[in-house]
Amino acid sequence: IKKSDVWVMKPQASGDNRNHIAPFPYELPYRLIKAFSYKGETVLDPFVGSGVTLLAAADLKRNGIGYEINPEIARVTIESLNNYQSKIWE
């Protein structure tokens, strides 16, 4: 296996349930959260956007706290995260 310091991941395509103008791939925060935190710890996302970092944190059993300055994006993201959270606990 060839080692590299470059991560290759599938980009977020337009139309993939995006609610933000500049989403990034779920895999990016997932890898970083998994590498640099433990279950039960808290992940802070000061620029929530579409909420992908908080989704990755939830999937990895971390607590997530986030802030979004744009009220419209915040509303859509909160709704999306609430729907996602209810699926986690089902």
PDB file of N, CA and C in Angstrom:
ATOM      1  N   ILE A   1       0.849  -1.177   0.000  1.00  0.00           N
ATOM      2  CA  ILE A   1       0.000   0.000   0.000  1.00  0.00           C
ATOM      3  C   ILE A   1       0.891   1.235   0.000  1.00  0.00           C
ATOM      4  N   LYS A   2       0.635   2.101  -0.944  1.00  0.00           N
ATOM      5  CA  LYS A   2       1.407   3.337  -1.062  1.00  0.00           C
ATOM      6  C   LYS A   2       0.860   4.382  -0.092  1.00  0.00           C
ATOM      7  N   LYS A   3       1.738   4.946   0.724  1.00  0.00           N
ATOM      8  CA  LYS A   3       1.327   5.975   1.676  1.00  0.00           C
ATOM      9  C   LYS A   3       1.403   7.347   1.020  1.00  0.00           C
ATOM     10  N   SER A   4       0.493   8.222   1.451  1.00  0.00           N
ATOM     11  CA  SER A   4       0.444   9.567   0.889  1.00  0.00           C
ATOM     12  C   SER A   4      -0.078  10.529   1.942  1.00  0.00           C
ATOM     13  N   ASP A   5       0.258  11.788   1.803  1.00  0.00           N
ATOM     14  CA  ASP A   5      -0.300  12.798   2.692  1.00  0.00           C
ATOM     15  C   ASP A   5      -1.435  13.556   2.006  1.00  0.00           C
ATOM     16  N   VAL A   6      -1.959  12.968   0.932  1.00  0.00           N
ATOM     17  CA  VAL A   6      -3.072  13.561   0.191  1.00  0.00           C
ATOM     18  C   VAL A   6      -4.300  12.676   0.357  1.00  0.00           C
ATOM     19  N   TRP A   7      -5.417  13.274   0.713  1.00  0.00           N
ATOM     20  CA  TRP A   7      -6.681  12.539   0.792  1.00  0.00           C
ATOM     21  C   TRP A   7      -7.456  12.779  -0.490  1.00  0.00           C
ATOM     22  N   VAL A   8      -7.906  11.712  -1.093  1.00  0.00           N
ATOM     23  CA  VAL A   8      -8.738  11.812  -2.281  1.00  0.00           C
ATOM     24  C   VAL A   8     -10.148  11.429  -1.874  1.00  0.00           C
ATOM     25  N   MET A   9     -11.094  12.307  -2.152  1.00  0.00           N
ATOM     26  CA  MET A   9     -12.477  12.014  -1.795  1.00  0.00           C
ATOM     27  C   MET A   9     -13.417  12.578  -2.839  1.00  0.00           C
ATOM     28  N   LYS A  10     -14.578  11.960  -2.922  1.00  0.00           N
ATOM     29  CA  LYS A  10     -15.584  12.370  -3.893  1.00  0.00           C
ATOM     30  C   LYS A  10     -16.113  13.753  -3.516  1.00  0.00           C
ATOM     31  N   PRO A  11     -16.128  14.691  -4.463  1.00  0.00           N
ATOM     32  CA  PRO A  11     -16.665  16.027  -4.151  1.00  0.00           C
ATOM     33  C   PRO A  11     -18.179  16.003  -3.997  1.00  0.00           C
ATOM     34  N   GLN A  12     -18.697  16.978  -3.308  1.00  0.00           N
ATOM     35  CA  GLN A  12     -20.143  17.145  -3.155  1.00  0.00           C
ATOM     36  C   GLN A  12     -20.676  17.690  -4.468  1.00  0.00           C
ATOM     37  N   ALA A  13     -21.499  16.920  -5.156  1.00  0.00           N
ATOM     38  CA  ALA A  13     -22.048  17.349  -6.448  1.00  0.00           C
ATOM     39  C   ALA A  13     -23.231  18.280  -6.238  1.00  0.00           C
ATOM     40  N   SER A  14     -23.446  19.151  -7.190  1.00  0.00           N
ATOM     41  CA  SER A  14     -24.590  20.056  -7.084  1.00  0.00           C
ATOM     42  C   SER A  14     -25.875  19.253  -7.166  1.00  0.00           C
ATOM     43  N   GLY A  15     -26.844  19.644  -6.353  1.00  0.00           N
ATOM     44  CA  GLY A  15     -28.131  18.970  -6.357  1.00  0.00           C
ATOM     45  C   GLY A  15     -28.229  17.798  -5.400  1.00  0.00           C
ATOM     46  N   ASP A  16     -27.136  17.431  -4.718  1.00  0.00           N
ATOM     47  CA  ASP A  16     -27.170  16.314  -3.774  1.00  0.00           C
ATOM     48  C   ASP A  16     -27.770  16.755  -2.446  1.00  0.00           C
ATOM     49  N   ASN A  17     -29.036  17.126  -2.460  1.00  0.00           N
ATOM     50  CA  ASN A  17     -29.717  17.608  -1.252  1.00  0.00           C
ATOM     51  C   ASN A  17     -28.958  18.760  -0.602  1.00  0.00           C
ATOM     52  N   ARG A  18     -28.334  19.611  -1.400  1.00  0.00           N
ATOM     53  CA  ARG A  18     -27.565  20.721  -0.848  1.00  0.00           C
ATOM     54  C   ARG A  18     -28.497  21.831  -0.400  1.00  0.00           C
ATOM     55  N   ASN A  19     -28.165  22.408   0.710  1.00  0.00           N
ATOM     56  CA  ASN A  19     -28.880  23.600   1.151  1.00  0.00           C
ATOM     57  C   ASN A  19     -27.885  24.719   1.419  1.00  0.00           C
ATOM     58  N   HIS A  20     -26.725  24.623   0.813  1.00  0.00           N
ATOM     59  CA  HIS A  20     -25.682  25.628   1.009  1.00  0.00           C
ATOM     60  C   HIS A  20     -24.929  25.820  -0.299  1.00  0.00           C
ATOM     61  N   ILE A  21     -24.448  27.020  -0.523  1.00  0.00           N
ATOM     62  CA  ILE A  21     -23.778  27.344  -1.781  1.00  0.00           C
ATOM     63  C   ILE A  21     -22.406  26.674  -1.922  1.00  0.00           C
ATOM     64  N   ALA A  22     -21.739  26.383  -0.815  1.00  0.00           N
ATOM     65  CA  ALA A  22     -20.385  25.827  -0.888  1.00  0.00           C
ATOM     66  C   ALA A  22     -20.212  24.635   0.052  1.00  0.00           C
ATOM     67  N   PRO A  23     -20.927  23.542  -0.196  1.00  0.00           N
ATOM     68  CA  PRO A  23     -20.777  22.384   0.689  1.00  0.00           C
ATOM     69  C   PRO A  23     -19.451  21.666   0.432  1.00  0.00           C
ATOM     70  N   PHE A  24     -18.987  20.926   1.417  1.00  0.00           N
ATOM     71  CA  PHE A  24     -17.809  20.105   1.199  1.00  0.00           C
ATOM     72  C   PHE A  24     -18.163  18.666   1.546  1.00  0.00           C
ATOM     73  N   PRO A  25     -17.363  17.704   1.103  1.00  0.00           N
ATOM     74  CA  PRO A  25     -17.718  16.299   1.273  1.00  0.00           C
ATOM     75  C   PRO A  25     -17.805  15.887   2.741  1.00  0.00           C
ATOM     76  N   TYR A  26     -18.793  15.079   3.049  1.00  0.00           N
ATOM     77  CA  TYR A  26     -19.000  14.530   4.389  1.00  0.00           C
ATOM     78  C   TYR A  26     -17.734  13.840   4.887  1.00  0.00           C
ATOM     79  N   GLU A  27     -17.036  13.180   4.001  1.00  0.00           N
ATOM     80  CA  GLU A  27     -15.856  12.411   4.378  1.00  0.00           C
ATOM     81  C   GLU A  27     -14.759  13.263   5.023  1.00  0.00           C
ATOM     82  N   LEU A  28     -14.660  14.528   4.658  1.00  0.00           N
ATOM     83  CA  LEU A  28     -13.618  15.403   5.206  1.00  0.00           C
ATOM     84  C   LEU A  28     -13.778  15.605   6.713  1.00  0.00           C
ATOM     85  N   PRO A  29     -14.911  16.130   7.207  1.00  0.00           N
ATOM     86  CA  PRO A  29     -15.033  16.259   8.658  1.00  0.00           C
ATOM     87  C   PRO A  29     -15.078  14.900   9.359  1.00  0.00           C
ATOM     88  N   TYR A  30     -15.630  13.890   8.696  1.00  0.00           N
ATOM     89  CA  TYR A  30     -15.689  12.554   9.298  1.00  0.00           C
ATOM     90  C   TYR A  30     -14.282  12.058   9.634  1.00  0.00           C
ATOM     91  N   ARG A  31     -13.382  12.139   8.674  1.00  0.00           N
ATOM     92  CA  ARG A  31     -12.004  11.678   8.907  1.00  0.00           C
ATOM     93  C   ARG A  31     -11.310  12.493  10.000  1.00  0.00           C
ATOM     94  N   LEU A  32     -11.483  13.816   9.950  1.00  0.00           N
ATOM     95  CA  LEU A  32     -10.816  14.678  10.928  1.00  0.00           C
ATOM     96  C   LEU A  32     -11.357  14.472  12.339  1.00  0.00           C
ATOM     97  N   ILE A  33     -12.672  14.367  12.464  1.00  0.00           N
ATOM     98  CA  ILE A  33     -13.279  14.146  13.783  1.00  0.00           C
ATOM     99  C   ILE A  33     -12.844  12.797  14.338  1.00  0.00           C
ATOM    100  N   LYS A  34     -12.849  11.781  13.497  1.00  0.00           N
ATOM    101  CA  LYS A  34     -12.440  10.440  13.929  1.00  0.00           C
ATOM    102  C   LYS A  34     -10.978  10.424  14.377  1.00  0.00           C
ATOM    103  N   ALA A  35     -10.124  11.164  13.672  1.00  0.00           N
ATOM    104  CA  ALA A  35      -8.691  11.167  13.978  1.00  0.00           C
ATOM    105  C   ALA A  35      -8.333  11.994  15.210  1.00  0.00           C
ATOM    106  N   PHE A  36      -9.094  13.056  15.477  1.00  0.00           N
ATOM    107  CA  PHE A  36      -8.662  14.012  16.496  1.00  0.00           C
ATOM    108  C   PHE A  36      -9.609  14.179  17.678  1.00  0.00           C
ATOM    109  N   SER A  37     -10.570  13.265  17.837  1.00  0.00           N
ATOM    110  CA  SER A  37     -11.450  13.341  19.007  1.00  0.00           C
ATOM    111  C   SER A  37     -11.886  11.941  19.409  1.00  0.00           C
ATOM    112  N   TYR A  38     -12.491  11.861  20.582  1.00  0.00           N
ATOM    113  CA  TYR A  38     -12.975  10.592  21.117  1.00  0.00           C
ATOM    114  C   TYR A  38     -14.486  10.644  21.275  1.00  0.00           C
ATOM    115  N   LYS A  39     -15.110   9.459  21.318  1.00  0.00           N
ATOM    116  CA  LYS A  39     -16.553   9.375  21.549  1.00  0.00           C
ATOM    117  C   LYS A  39     -16.912  10.144  22.811  1.00  0.00           C
ATOM    118  N   GLY A  40     -18.003  10.900  22.728  1.00  0.00           N
ATOM    119  CA  GLY A  40     -18.470  11.669  23.870  1.00  0.00           C
ATOM    120  C   GLY A  40     -17.899  13.074  23.954  1.00  0.00           C
ATOM    121  N   GLU A  41     -16.844  13.359  23.205  1.00  0.00           N
ATOM    122  CA  GLU A  41     -16.287  14.713  23.211  1.00  0.00           C
ATOM    123  C   GLU A  41     -17.163  15.645  22.378  1.00  0.00           C
ATOM    124  N   THR A  42     -16.872  16.931  22.459  1.00  0.00           N
ATOM    125  CA  THR A  42     -17.667  17.938  21.755  1.00  0.00           C
ATOM    126  C   THR A  42     -16.884  18.517  20.587  1.00  0.00           C
ATOM    127  N   VAL A  43     -17.569  18.613  19.453  1.00  0.00           N
ATOM    128  CA  VAL A  43     -17.011  19.197  18.234  1.00  0.00           C
ATOM    129  C   VAL A  43     -17.674  20.552  18.024  1.00  0.00           C
ATOM    130  N   LEU A  44     -16.883  21.595  17.837  1.00  0.00           N
ATOM    131  CA  LEU A  44     -17.400  22.943  17.585  1.00  0.00           C
ATOM    132  C   LEU A  44     -17.231  23.282  16.112  1.00  0.00           C
ATOM    133  N   ASP A  45     -18.320  23.700  15.482  1.00  0.00           N
ATOM    134  CA  ASP A  45     -18.281  24.166  14.092  1.00  0.00           C
ATOM    135  C   ASP A  45     -18.775  25.606  14.069  1.00  0.00           C
ATOM    136  N   PRO A  46     -17.865  26.588  14.009  1.00  0.00           N
ATOM    137  CA  PRO A  46     -18.279  27.994  14.060  1.00  0.00           C
ATOM    138  C   PRO A  46     -18.888  28.516  12.759  1.00  0.00           C
ATOM    139  N   PHE A  47     -18.855  27.719  11.706  1.00  0.00           N
ATOM    140  CA  PHE A  47     -19.431  28.104  10.411  1.00  0.00           C
ATOM    141  C   PHE A  47     -20.239  26.923   9.883  1.00  0.00           C
ATOM    142  N   VAL A  48     -21.390  26.649  10.471  1.00  0.00           N
ATOM    143  CA  VAL A  48     -22.146  25.418  10.227  1.00  0.00           C
ATOM    144  C   VAL A  48     -22.513  25.196   8.764  1.00  0.00           C
ATOM    145  N   GLY A  49     -22.975  26.223   8.086  1.00  0.00           N
ATOM    146  CA  GLY A  49     -23.369  26.032   6.690  1.00  0.00           C
ATOM    147  C   GLY A  49     -24.429  24.957   6.562  1.00  0.00           C
ATOM    148  N   SER A  50     -24.156  23.922   5.789  1.00  0.00           N
ATOM    149  CA  SER A  50     -25.135  22.866   5.555  1.00  0.00           C
ATOM    150  C   SER A  50     -25.199  21.851   6.690  1.00  0.00           C
ATOM    151  N   GLY A  51     -24.307  21.940   7.660  1.00  0.00           N
ATOM    152  CA  GLY A  51     -24.360  21.062   8.826  1.00  0.00           C
ATOM    153  C   GLY A  51     -23.631  19.743   8.678  1.00  0.00           C
ATOM    154  N   VAL A  52     -22.834  19.590   7.635  1.00  0.00           N
ATOM    155  CA  VAL A  52     -22.179  18.316   7.383  1.00  0.00           C
ATOM    156  C   VAL A  52     -21.217  17.922   8.511  1.00  0.00           C
ATOM    157  N   THR A  53     -20.552  18.881   9.126  1.00  0.00           N
ATOM    158  CA  THR A  53     -19.644  18.564  10.233  1.00  0.00           C
ATOM    159  C   THR A  53     -20.417  18.036  11.432  1.00  0.00           C
ATOM    160  N   LEU A  54     -21.574  18.622  11.711  1.00  0.00           N
ATOM    161  CA  LEU A  54     -22.388  18.150  12.831  1.00  0.00           C
ATOM    162  C   LEU A  54     -22.973  16.773  12.548  1.00  0.00           C
ATOM    163  N   LEU A  55     -23.292  16.477  11.294  1.00  0.00           N
ATOM    164  CA  LEU A  55     -23.765  15.137  10.932  1.00  0.00           C
ATOM    165  C   LEU A  55     -22.664  14.108  11.161  1.00  0.00           C
ATOM    166  N   ALA A  56     -21.458  14.427  10.736  1.00  0.00           N
ATOM    167  CA  ALA A  56     -20.331  13.516  10.940  1.00  0.00           C
ATOM    168  C   ALA A  56     -20.068  13.314  12.429  1.00  0.00           C
ATOM    169  N   ALA A  57     -20.150  14.385  13.203  1.00  0.00           N
ATOM    170  CA  ALA A  57     -19.951  14.278  14.653  1.00  0.00           C
ATOM    171  C   ALA A  57     -20.990  13.342  15.266  1.00  0.00           C
ATOM    172  N   ALA A  58     -22.241  13.490  14.880  1.00  0.00           N
ATOM    173  CA  ALA A  58     -23.306  12.628  15.408  1.00  0.00           C
ATOM    174  C   ALA A  58     -23.059  11.169  15.035  1.00  0.00           C
ATOM    175  N   ASP A  59     -22.675  10.919  13.792  1.00  0.00           N
ATOM    176  CA  ASP A  59     -22.406   9.549  13.354  1.00  0.00           C
ATOM    177  C   ASP A  59     -21.256   8.920  14.128  1.00  0.00           C
ATOM    178  N   LEU A  60     -20.321   9.742  14.574  1.00  0.00           N
ATOM    179  CA  LEU A  60     -19.163   9.249  15.322  1.00  0.00           C
ATOM    180  C   LEU A  60     -19.368   9.329  16.834  1.00  0.00           C
ATOM    181  N   LYS A  61     -20.607   9.566  17.251  1.00  0.00           N
ATOM    182  CA  LYS A  61     -20.971   9.603  18.682  1.00  0.00           C
ATOM    183  C   LYS A  61     -20.276  10.737  19.434  1.00  0.00           C
ATOM    184  N   ARG A  62     -20.128  11.888  18.757  1.00  0.00           N
ATOM    185  CA  ARG A  62     -19.612  13.095  19.400  1.00  0.00           C
ATOM    186  C   ARG A  62     -20.761  14.079  19.562  1.00  0.00           C
ATOM    187  N   ASN A  63     -20.636  14.960  20.514  1.00  0.00           N
ATOM    188  CA  ASN A  63     -21.594  16.055  20.663  1.00  0.00           C
ATOM    189  C   ASN A  63     -21.194  17.150  19.686  1.00  0.00           C
ATOM    190  N   GLY A  64     -22.171  17.818  19.115  1.00  0.00           N
ATOM    191  CA  GLY A  64     -21.858  18.870  18.159  1.00  0.00           C
ATOM    192  C   GLY A  64     -22.490  20.196  18.545  1.00  0.00           C
ATOM    193  N   ILE A  65     -21.719  21.255  18.417  1.00  0.00           N
ATOM    194  CA  ILE A  65     -22.212  22.615  18.637  1.00  0.00           C
ATOM    195  C   ILE A  65     -21.814  23.418  17.403  1.00  0.00           C
ATOM    196  N   GLY A  66     -22.758  24.205  16.880  1.00  0.00           N
ATOM    197  CA  GLY A  66     -22.435  24.972  15.692  1.00  0.00           C
ATOM    198  C   GLY A  66     -23.124  26.316  15.660  1.00  0.00           C
ATOM    199  N   TYR A  67     -22.560  27.221  14.881  1.00  0.00           N
ATOM    200  CA  TYR A  67     -23.093  28.571  14.702  1.00  0.00           C
ATOM    201  C   TYR A  67     -23.196  28.864  13.212  1.00  0.00           C
ATOM    202  N   GLU A  68     -24.251  29.574  12.834  1.00  0.00           N
ATOM    203  CA  GLU A  68     -24.421  30.013  11.441  1.00  0.00           C
ATOM    204  C   GLU A  68     -24.977  31.426  11.457  1.00  0.00           C
ATOM    205  N   ILE A  69     -24.321  32.336  10.766  1.00  0.00           N
ATOM    206  CA  ILE A  69     -24.716  33.743  10.775  1.00  0.00           C
ATOM    207  C   ILE A  69     -25.912  34.025   9.860  1.00  0.00           C
ATOM    208  N   ASN A  70     -26.077  33.244   8.802  1.00  0.00           N
ATOM    209  CA  ASN A  70     -27.163  33.466   7.850  1.00  0.00           C
ATOM    210  C   ASN A  70     -28.442  32.803   8.375  1.00  0.00           C
ATOM    211  N   PRO A  71     -29.456  33.585   8.747  1.00  0.00           N
ATOM    212  CA  PRO A  71     -30.669  33.021   9.351  1.00  0.00           C
ATOM    213  C   PRO A  71     -31.403  32.022   8.452  1.00  0.00           C
ATOM    214  N   GLU A  72     -31.420  32.261   7.153  1.00  0.00           N
ATOM    215  CA  GLU A  72     -32.124  31.337   6.246  1.00  0.00           C
ATOM    216  C   GLU A  72     -31.403  29.994   6.170  1.00  0.00           C
ATOM    217  N   ILE A  73     -30.088  30.030   6.036  1.00  0.00           N
ATOM    218  CA  ILE A  73     -29.316  28.784   6.019  1.00  0.00           C
ATOM    219  C   ILE A  73     -29.449  28.080   7.361  1.00  0.00           C
ATOM    220  N   ALA A  74     -29.405  28.837   8.455  1.00  0.00           N
ATOM    221  CA  ALA A  74     -29.547  28.247   9.789  1.00  0.00           C
ATOM    222  C   ALA A  74     -30.887  27.535   9.931  1.00  0.00           C
ATOM    223  N   ARG A  75     -31.965  28.151   9.453  1.00  0.00           N
ATOM    224  CA  ARG A  75     -33.298  27.548   9.560  1.00  0.00           C
ATOM    225  C   ARG A  75     -33.359  26.217   8.814  1.00  0.00           C
ATOM    226  N   VAL A  76     -32.875  26.208   7.580  1.00  0.00           N
ATOM    227  CA  VAL A  76     -32.903  24.989   6.766  1.00  0.00           C
ATOM    228  C   VAL A  76     -32.015  23.910   7.386  1.00  0.00           C
ATOM    229  N   THR A  77     -30.852  24.305   7.863  1.00  0.00           N
ATOM    230  CA  THR A  77     -29.920  23.348   8.454  1.00  0.00           C
ATOM    231  C   THR A  77     -30.469  22.769   9.750  1.00  0.00           C
ATOM    232  N   ILE A  78     -31.074  23.587  10.587  1.00  0.00           N
ATOM    233  CA  ILE A  78     -31.673  23.090  11.833  1.00  0.00           C
ATOM    234  C   ILE A  78     -32.757  22.072  11.522  1.00  0.00           C
ATOM    235  N   GLU A  79     -33.586  22.371  10.546  1.00  0.00           N
ATOM    236  CA  GLU A  79     -34.642  21.432  10.147  1.00  0.00           C
ATOM    237  C   GLU A  79     -34.034  20.109   9.665  1.00  0.00           C
ATOM    238  N   SER A  80     -33.017  20.204   8.849  1.00  0.00           N
ATOM    239  CA  SER A  80     -32.344  19.015   8.330  1.00  0.00           C
ATOM    240  C   SER A  80     -31.701  18.206   9.452  1.00  0.00           C
ATOM    241  N   LEU A  81     -31.020  18.889  10.376  1.00  0.00           N
ATOM    242  CA  LEU A  81     -30.372  18.198  11.492  1.00  0.00           C
ATOM    243  C   LEU A  81     -31.396  17.562  12.426  1.00  0.00           C
ATOM    244  N   ASN A  82     -32.518  18.224  12.660  1.00  0.00           N
ATOM    245  CA  ASN A  82     -33.568  17.642  13.501  1.00  0.00           C
ATOM    246  C   ASN A  82     -34.116  16.370  12.881  1.00  0.00           C
ATOM    247  N   ASN A  83     -34.331  16.366  11.574  1.00  0.00           N
ATOM    248  CA  ASN A  83     -34.796  15.160  10.887  1.00  0.00           C
ATOM    249  C   ASN A  83     -33.761  14.055  10.972  1.00  0.00           C
ATOM    250  N   TYR A  84     -32.501  14.405  10.817  1.00  0.00           N
ATOM    251  CA  TYR A  84     -31.416  13.432  10.884  1.00  0.00           C
ATOM    252  C   TYR A  84     -31.295  12.864  12.290  1.00  0.00           C
ATOM    253  N   GLN A  85     -31.396  13.725  13.300  1.00  0.00           N
ATOM    254  CA  GLN A  85     -31.267  13.284  14.686  1.00  0.00           C
ATOM    255  C   GLN A  85     -32.363  12.299  15.043  1.00  0.00           C
ATOM    256  N   SER A  86     -33.579  12.532  14.575  1.00  0.00           N
ATOM    257  CA  SER A  86     -34.663  11.611  14.903  1.00  0.00           C
ATOM    258  C   SER A  86     -34.413  10.243  14.279  1.00  0.00           C
ATOM    259  N   LYS A  87     -33.729  10.183  13.135  1.00  0.00           N
ATOM    260  CA  LYS A  87     -33.396   8.907  12.508  1.00  0.00           C
ATOM    261  C   LYS A  87     -32.328   8.165  13.308  1.00  0.00           C
ATOM    262  N   ILE A  88     -31.413   8.917  13.928  1.00  0.00           N
ATOM    263  CA  ILE A  88     -30.352   8.296  14.731  1.00  0.00           C
ATOM    264  C   ILE A  88     -30.949   7.527  15.901  1.00  0.00           C
ATOM    265  N   TRP A  89     -31.967   8.091  16.521  1.00  0.00           N
ATOM    266  CA  TRP A  89     -32.526   7.501  17.737  1.00  0.00           C
ATOM    267  C   TRP A  89     -33.616   6.475  17.471  1.00  0.00           C
ATOM    268  N   GLU A  90     -34.000   6.271  16.225  1.00  0.00           N
ATOM    269  CA  GLU A  90     -35.036   5.278  15.915  1.00  0.00           C
ATOM    270  C   GLU A  90     -34.494   3.876  16.001  1.00  0.00           C
TER     271      GLU A  90
END
